[in-house]
């Protein structure tokens, strides 16, 4: 009976932390979904794609004389 009591106590102590972890993961998933919808509405690039060269090109041309 002592072992069962110790296991129950440990589980009761871990439940709040586990609940916080699950809430955090759920929040991140919702935020990622909302960001994806906003990007799709604006016609933005997909985060997995390579940039079109706008930023790299601007850095290279910054030092050049036109």
PDB file of N, CA and C in Angstrom:
ATOM      1  N   UNK A   1       0.813  -1.186   0.000  1.00  0.00           N
ATOM      2  CA  UNK A   1       0.000   0.000   0.000  1.00  0.00           C
ATOM      3  C   UNK A   1       0.862   1.258   0.000  1.00  0.00           C
ATOM      4  N   UNK A   2       2.006   1.197   0.609  1.00  0.00           N
ATOM      5  CA  UNK A   2       2.879   2.370   0.661  1.00  0.00           C
ATOM      6  C   UNK A   2       3.360   2.763  -0.736  1.00  0.00           C
ATOM      7  N   UNK A   3       3.682   1.768  -1.552  1.00  0.00           N
ATOM      8  CA  UNK A   3       4.169   2.046  -2.896  1.00  0.00           C
ATOM      9  C   UNK A   3       3.076   2.727  -3.707  1.00  0.00           C
ATOM     10  N   UNK A   4       1.847   2.261  -3.592  1.00  0.00           N
ATOM     11  CA  UNK A   4       0.727   2.848  -4.324  1.00  0.00           C
ATOM     12  C   UNK A   4       0.499   4.291  -3.870  1.00  0.00           C
ATOM     13  N   UNK A   5       0.643   4.549  -2.610  1.00  0.00           N
ATOM     14  CA  UNK A   5       0.484   5.903  -2.088  1.00  0.00           C
ATOM     15  C   UNK A   5       1.564   6.838  -2.612  1.00  0.00           C
ATOM     16  N   UNK A   6       2.790   6.347  -2.673  1.00  0.00           N
ATOM     17  CA  UNK A   6       3.902   7.159  -3.183  1.00  0.00           C
ATOM     18  C   UNK A   6       3.695   7.452  -4.671  1.00  0.00           C
ATOM     19  N   UNK A   7       3.283   6.447  -5.432  1.00  0.00           N
ATOM     20  CA  UNK A   7       3.032   6.639  -6.866  1.00  0.00           C
ATOM     21  C   UNK A   7       1.909   7.655  -7.065  1.00  0.00           C
ATOM     22  N   UNK A   8       0.844   7.545  -6.273  1.00  0.00           N
ATOM     23  CA  UNK A   8      -0.276   8.480  -6.374  1.00  0.00           C
ATOM     24  C   UNK A   8       0.182   9.900  -6.038  1.00  0.00           C
ATOM     25  N   UNK A   9       0.996  10.047  -5.025  1.00  0.00           N
ATOM     26  CA  UNK A   9       1.499  11.359  -4.634  1.00  0.00           C
ATOM     27  C   UNK A   9       2.362  11.973  -5.739  1.00  0.00           C
ATOM     28  N   UNK A  10       3.234  11.169  -6.308  1.00  0.00           N
ATOM     29  CA  UNK A  10       4.098  11.660  -7.398  1.00  0.00           C
ATOM     30  C   UNK A  10       3.241  12.085  -8.590  1.00  0.00           C
ATOM     31  N   UNK A  11       2.238  11.294  -8.941  1.00  0.00           N
ATOM     32  CA  UNK A  11       1.357  11.650 -10.054  1.00  0.00           C
ATOM     33  C   UNK A  11       0.606  12.951  -9.770  1.00  0.00           C
ATOM     34  N   UNK A  12       0.141  13.124  -8.554  1.00  0.00           N
ATOM     35  CA  UNK A  12      -0.570  14.361  -8.201  1.00  0.00           C
ATOM     36  C   UNK A  12       0.349  15.575  -8.274  1.00  0.00           C
ATOM     37  N   UNK A  13       1.622  15.379  -7.974  1.00  0.00           N
ATOM     38  CA  UNK A  13       2.568  16.483  -8.052  1.00  0.00           C
ATOM     39  C   UNK A  13       2.932  16.821  -9.500  1.00  0.00           C
ATOM     40  N   UNK A  14       2.881  15.832 -10.389  1.00  0.00           N
ATOM     41  CA  UNK A  14       3.256  16.049 -11.784  1.00  0.00           C
ATOM     42  C   UNK A  14       2.109  16.562 -12.651  1.00  0.00           C
ATOM     43  N   UNK A  15       0.867  16.387 -12.226  1.00  0.00           N
ATOM     44  CA  UNK A  15      -0.281  16.775 -13.041  1.00  0.00           C
ATOM     45  C   UNK A  15      -0.274  18.265 -13.389  1.00  0.00           C
ATOM     46  N   UNK A  16      -0.042  19.188 -12.453  1.00  0.00           N
ATOM     47  CA  UNK A  16      -0.049  20.612 -12.832  1.00  0.00           C
ATOM     48  C   UNK A  16       1.026  20.955 -13.873  1.00  0.00           C
ATOM     49  N   UNK A  17       2.194  20.379 -13.729  1.00  0.00           N
ATOM     50  CA  UNK A  17       3.265  20.642 -14.691  1.00  0.00           C
ATOM     51  C   UNK A  17       2.907  20.089 -16.059  1.00  0.00           C
ATOM     52  N   UNK A  18       2.337  18.912 -16.089  1.00  0.00           N
ATOM     53  CA  UNK A  18       1.938  18.305 -17.350  1.00  0.00           C
ATOM     54  C   UNK A  18       0.831  19.120 -18.009  1.00  0.00           C
ATOM     55  N   UNK A  19      -0.091  19.626 -17.220  1.00  0.00           N
ATOM     56  CA  UNK A  19      -1.174  20.449 -17.754  1.00  0.00           C
ATOM     57  C   UNK A  19      -0.613  21.741 -18.361  1.00  0.00           C
ATOM     58  N   UNK A  20       0.340  22.363 -17.681  1.00  0.00           N
ATOM     59  CA  UNK A  20       0.969  23.579 -18.211  1.00  0.00           C
ATOM     60  C   UNK A  20       1.698  23.291 -19.518  1.00  0.00           C
ATOM     61  N   UNK A  21       2.388  22.153 -19.577  1.00  0.00           N
ATOM     62  CA  UNK A  21       3.098  21.774 -20.786  1.00  0.00           C
ATOM     63  C   UNK A  21       2.134  21.576 -21.954  1.00  0.00           C
ATOM     64  N   UNK A  22       1.041  20.881 -21.716  1.00  0.00           N
ATOM     65  CA  UNK A  22       0.060  20.645 -22.768  1.00  0.00           C
ATOM     66  C   UNK A  22      -0.588  21.946 -23.224  1.00  0.00           C
ATOM     67  N   UNK A  23      -0.880  22.845 -22.302  1.00  0.00           N
ATOM     68  CA  UNK A  23      -1.449  24.148 -22.663  1.00  0.00           C
ATOM     69  C   UNK A  23      -0.459  24.954 -23.497  1.00  0.00           C
ATOM     70  N   UNK A  24       0.809  24.894 -23.162  1.00  0.00           N
ATOM     71  CA  UNK A  24       1.829  25.611 -23.911  1.00  0.00           C
ATOM     72  C   UNK A  24       1.949  25.073 -25.336  1.00  0.00           C
ATOM     73  N   UNK A  25       1.943  23.766 -25.465  1.00  0.00           N
ATOM     74  CA  UNK A  25       2.028  23.146 -26.790  1.00  0.00           C
ATOM     75  C   UNK A  25       0.802  23.508 -27.615  1.00  0.00           C
ATOM     76  N   UNK A  26      -0.372  23.472 -27.005  1.00  0.00           N
ATOM     77  CA  UNK A  26      -1.601  23.811 -27.719  1.00  0.00           C
ATOM     78  C   UNK A  26      -1.582  25.276 -28.164  1.00  0.00           C
ATOM     79  N   UNK A  27      -1.089  26.162 -27.307  1.00  0.00           N
ATOM     80  CA  UNK A  27      -1.005  27.579 -27.661  1.00  0.00           C
ATOM     81  C   UNK A  27      -0.076  27.791 -28.851  1.00  0.00           C
ATOM     82  N   UNK A  28       1.059  27.104 -28.849  1.00  0.00           N
ATOM     83  CA  UNK A  28       2.015  27.237 -29.952  1.00  0.00           C
ATOM     84  C   UNK A  28       1.428  26.728 -31.255  1.00  0.00           C
ATOM     85  N   UNK A  29       0.697  25.634 -31.197  1.00  0.00           N
ATOM     86  CA  UNK A  29       0.073  25.087 -32.403  1.00  0.00           C
ATOM     87  C   UNK A  29      -0.970  26.061 -32.947  1.00  0.00           C
ATOM     88  N   UNK A  30      -1.785  26.635 -32.056  1.00  0.00           N
ATOM     89  CA  UNK A  30      -2.794  27.607 -32.494  1.00  0.00           C
ATOM     90  C   UNK A  30      -2.131  28.842 -33.089  1.00  0.00           C
ATOM     91  N   UNK A  31      -1.069  29.330 -32.457  1.00  0.00           N
ATOM     92  CA  UNK A  31      -0.378  30.518 -32.953  1.00  0.00           C
ATOM     93  C   UNK A  31       0.246  30.248 -34.319  1.00  0.00           C
ATOM     94  N   UNK A  32       0.828  29.077 -34.503  1.00  0.00           N
ATOM     95  CA  UNK A  32       1.425  28.721 -35.791  1.00  0.00           C
ATOM     96  C   UNK A  32       0.353  28.661 -36.879  1.00  0.00           C
ATOM     97  N   UNK A  33      -0.820  28.115 -36.532  1.00  0.00           N
ATOM     98  CA  UNK A  33      -1.922  28.047 -37.486  1.00  0.00           C
ATOM     99  C   UNK A  33      -2.424  29.421 -37.868  1.00  0.00           C
ATOM    100  N   UNK A  34      -2.566  30.307 -36.886  1.00  0.00           N
ATOM    101  CA  UNK A  34      -3.018  31.677 -37.178  1.00  0.00           C
ATOM    102  C   UNK A  34      -2.008  32.407 -38.048  1.00  0.00           C
ATOM    103  N   UNK A  35      -0.729  32.233 -37.768  1.00  0.00           N
ATOM    104  CA  UNK A  35       0.307  32.891 -38.566  1.00  0.00           C
ATOM    105  C   UNK A  35       0.283  32.375 -40.001  1.00  0.00           C
ATOM    106  N   UNK A  36       0.040  31.090 -40.168  1.00  0.00           N
ATOM    107  CA  UNK A  36      -0.012  30.519 -41.509  1.00  0.00           C
ATOM    108  C   UNK A  36      -1.204  31.076 -42.289  1.00  0.00           C
ATOM    109  N   UNK A  37      -2.317  31.253 -41.614  1.00  0.00           N
ATOM    110  CA  UNK A  37      -3.498  31.825 -42.269  1.00  0.00           C
ATOM    111  C   UNK A  37      -3.227  33.263 -42.679  1.00  0.00           C
ATOM    112  N   UNK A  38      -2.598  34.041 -41.812  1.00  0.00           N
ATOM    113  CA  UNK A  38      -2.297  35.440 -42.121  1.00  0.00           C
ATOM    114  C   UNK A  38      -1.340  35.519 -43.303  1.00  0.00           C
ATOM    115  N   UNK A  39      -0.297  34.662 -43.309  1.00  0.00           N
ATOM    116  CA  UNK A  39       0.634  34.655 -44.436  1.00  0.00           C
ATOM    117  C   UNK A  39      -0.065  34.295 -45.734  1.00  0.00           C
ATOM    118  N   UNK A  40      -0.988  33.343 -45.677  1.00  0.00           N
ATOM    119  CA  UNK A  40      -1.710  32.934 -46.886  1.00  0.00           C
ATOM    120  C   UNK A  40      -2.592  34.063 -47.392  1.00  0.00           C
ATOM    121  N   UNK A  41      -3.228  34.794 -46.477  1.00  0.00           N
ATOM    122  CA  UNK A  41      -4.087  35.902 -46.889  1.00  0.00           C
ATOM    123  C   UNK A  41      -3.277  37.037 -47.503  1.00  0.00           C
ATOM    124  N   UNK A  42      -2.096  37.256 -46.993  1.00  0.00           N
ATOM    125  CA  UNK A  42      -1.248  38.341 -47.506  1.00  0.00           C
ATOM    126  C   UNK A  42      -0.452  37.917 -48.735  1.00  0.00           C
ATOM    127  N   UNK A  43      -0.432  36.637 -48.997  1.00  0.00           N
ATOM    128  CA  UNK A  43       0.332  36.147 -50.132  1.00  0.00           C
ATOM    129  C   UNK A  43       1.811  36.061 -49.841  1.00  0.00           C
ATOM    130  N   UNK A  44       2.162  35.941 -48.575  1.00  0.00           N
ATOM    131  CA  UNK A  44       3.568  35.868 -48.184  1.00  0.00           C
ATOM    132  C   UNK A  44       4.190  34.538 -48.555  1.00  0.00           C
ATOM    133  N   UNK A  45       5.498  34.484 -48.434  1.00  0.00           N
ATOM    134  CA  UNK A  45       6.226  33.270 -48.759  1.00  0.00           C
ATOM    135  C   UNK A  45       6.047  32.233 -47.671  1.00  0.00           C
ATOM    136  N   UNK A  46       6.151  30.995 -48.070  1.00  0.00           N
ATOM    137  CA  UNK A  46       6.102  29.891 -47.124  1.00  0.00           C
ATOM    138  C   UNK A  46       7.419  29.874 -46.363  1.00  0.00           C
ATOM    139  N   UNK A  47       7.421  29.649 -45.038  1.00  0.00           N
ATOM    140  CA  UNK A  47       8.667  29.709 -44.268  1.00  0.00           C
ATOM    141  C   UNK A  47       9.702  28.669 -44.691  1.00  0.00           C
ATOM    142  N   UNK A  48       9.301  27.598 -45.350  1.00  0.00           N
ATOM    143  CA  UNK A  48      10.253  26.583 -45.764  1.00  0.00           C
ATOM    144  C   UNK A  48      10.967  26.930 -47.059  1.00  0.00           C
ATOM    145  N   UNK A  49      10.444  27.879 -47.804  1.00  0.00           N
ATOM    146  CA  UNK A  49      11.037  28.245 -49.084  1.00  0.00           C
ATOM    147  C   UNK A  49      12.240  29.164 -48.885  1.00  0.00           C
ATOM    148  N   UNK A  50      13.116  29.138 -49.872  1.00  0.00           N
ATOM    149  CA  UNK A  50      14.278  30.027 -49.840  1.00  0.00           C
ATOM    150  C   UNK A  50      13.831  31.443 -50.189  1.00  0.00           C
ATOM    151  N   UNK A  51      14.447  32.457 -49.611  1.00  0.00           N
ATOM    152  CA  UNK A  51      14.074  33.831 -49.954  1.00  0.00           C
ATOM    153  C   UNK A  51      14.345  34.121 -51.423  1.00  0.00           C
ATOM    154  N   UNK A  52      13.608  35.069 -51.958  1.00  0.00           N
ATOM    155  CA  UNK A  52      13.709  35.362 -53.385  1.00  0.00           C
ATOM    156  C   UNK A  52      14.964  36.146 -53.722  1.00  0.00           C
ATOM    157  N   UNK A  53      15.792  36.442 -52.758  1.00  0.00           N
ATOM    158  CA  UNK A  53      17.037  37.154 -53.021  1.00  0.00           C
ATOM    159  C   UNK A  53      16.957  38.624 -52.657  1.00  0.00           C
ATOM    160  N   UNK A  54      15.808  39.074 -52.211  1.00  0.00           N
ATOM    161  CA  UNK A  54      15.631  40.485 -51.891  1.00  0.00           C
ATOM    162  C   UNK A  54      16.569  40.966 -50.797  1.00  0.00           C
ATOM    163  N   UNK A  55      16.667  40.236 -49.722  1.00  0.00           N
ATOM    164  CA  UNK A  55      17.524  40.663 -48.619  1.00  0.00           C
ATOM    165  C   UNK A  55      18.994  40.453 -48.962  1.00  0.00           C
ATOM    166  N   UNK A  56      19.321  39.320 -49.570  1.00  0.00           N
ATOM    167  CA  UNK A  56      20.721  39.060 -49.919  1.00  0.00           C
ATOM    168  C   UNK A  56      21.188  40.075 -50.955  1.00  0.00           C
ATOM    169  N   UNK A  57      20.330  40.332 -51.925  1.00  0.00           N
ATOM    170  CA  UNK A  57      20.692  41.268 -52.982  1.00  0.00           C
ATOM    171  C   UNK A  57      20.886  42.665 -52.401  1.00  0.00           C
ATOM    172  N   UNK A  58      20.035  43.058 -51.466  1.00  0.00           N
ATOM    173  CA  UNK A  58      20.151  44.383 -50.861  1.00  0.00           C
ATOM    174  C   UNK A  58      21.470  44.508 -50.096  1.00  0.00           C
ATOM    175  N   UNK A  59      21.895  43.438 -49.430  1.00  0.00           N
ATOM    176  CA  UNK A  59      23.155  43.483 -48.683  1.00  0.00           C
ATOM    177  C   UNK A  59      24.343  43.624 -49.629  1.00  0.00           C
ATOM    178  N   UNK A  60      24.304  42.902 -50.764  1.00  0.00           N
ATOM    179  CA  UNK A  60      25.407  42.973 -51.715  1.00  0.00           C
ATOM    180  C   UNK A  60      25.469  44.342 -52.388  1.00  0.00           C
ATOM    181  N   UNK A  61      24.328  44.900 -52.697  1.00  0.00           N
ATOM    182  CA  UNK A  61      24.294  46.156 -53.406  1.00  0.00           C
ATOM    183  C   UNK A  61      24.526  47.349 -52.483  1.00  0.00           C
ATOM    184  N   UNK A  62      24.478  47.109 -51.205  1.00  0.00           N
ATOM    185  CA  UNK A  62      24.634  48.189 -50.243  1.00  0.00           C
ATOM    186  C   UNK A  62      25.999  48.878 -50.387  1.00  0.00           C
ATOM    187  N   UNK A  63      27.038  48.087 -50.613  1.00  0.00           N
ATOM    188  CA  UNK A  63      28.377  48.639 -50.703  1.00  0.00           C
ATOM    189  C   UNK A  63      28.746  49.127 -52.100  1.00  0.00           C
ATOM    190  N   UNK A  64      27.950  48.791 -53.092  1.00  0.00           N
ATOM    191  CA  UNK A  64      28.266  49.177 -54.468  1.00  0.00           C
ATOM    192  C   UNK A  64      27.867  50.608 -54.764  1.00  0.00           C
ATOM    193  N   UNK A  65      28.580  51.198 -55.660  1.00  0.00           N
ATOM    194  CA  UNK A  65      28.248  52.558 -56.105  1.00  0.00           C
ATOM    195  C   UNK A  65      27.414  52.420 -57.384  1.00  0.00           C
ATOM    196  N   UNK A  66      26.314  53.105 -57.413  1.00  0.00           N
ATOM    197  CA  UNK A  66      25.433  53.020 -58.588  1.00  0.00           C
ATOM    198  C   UNK A  66      25.593  54.199 -59.465  1.00  0.00           C
TER     199      UNK A  66
END
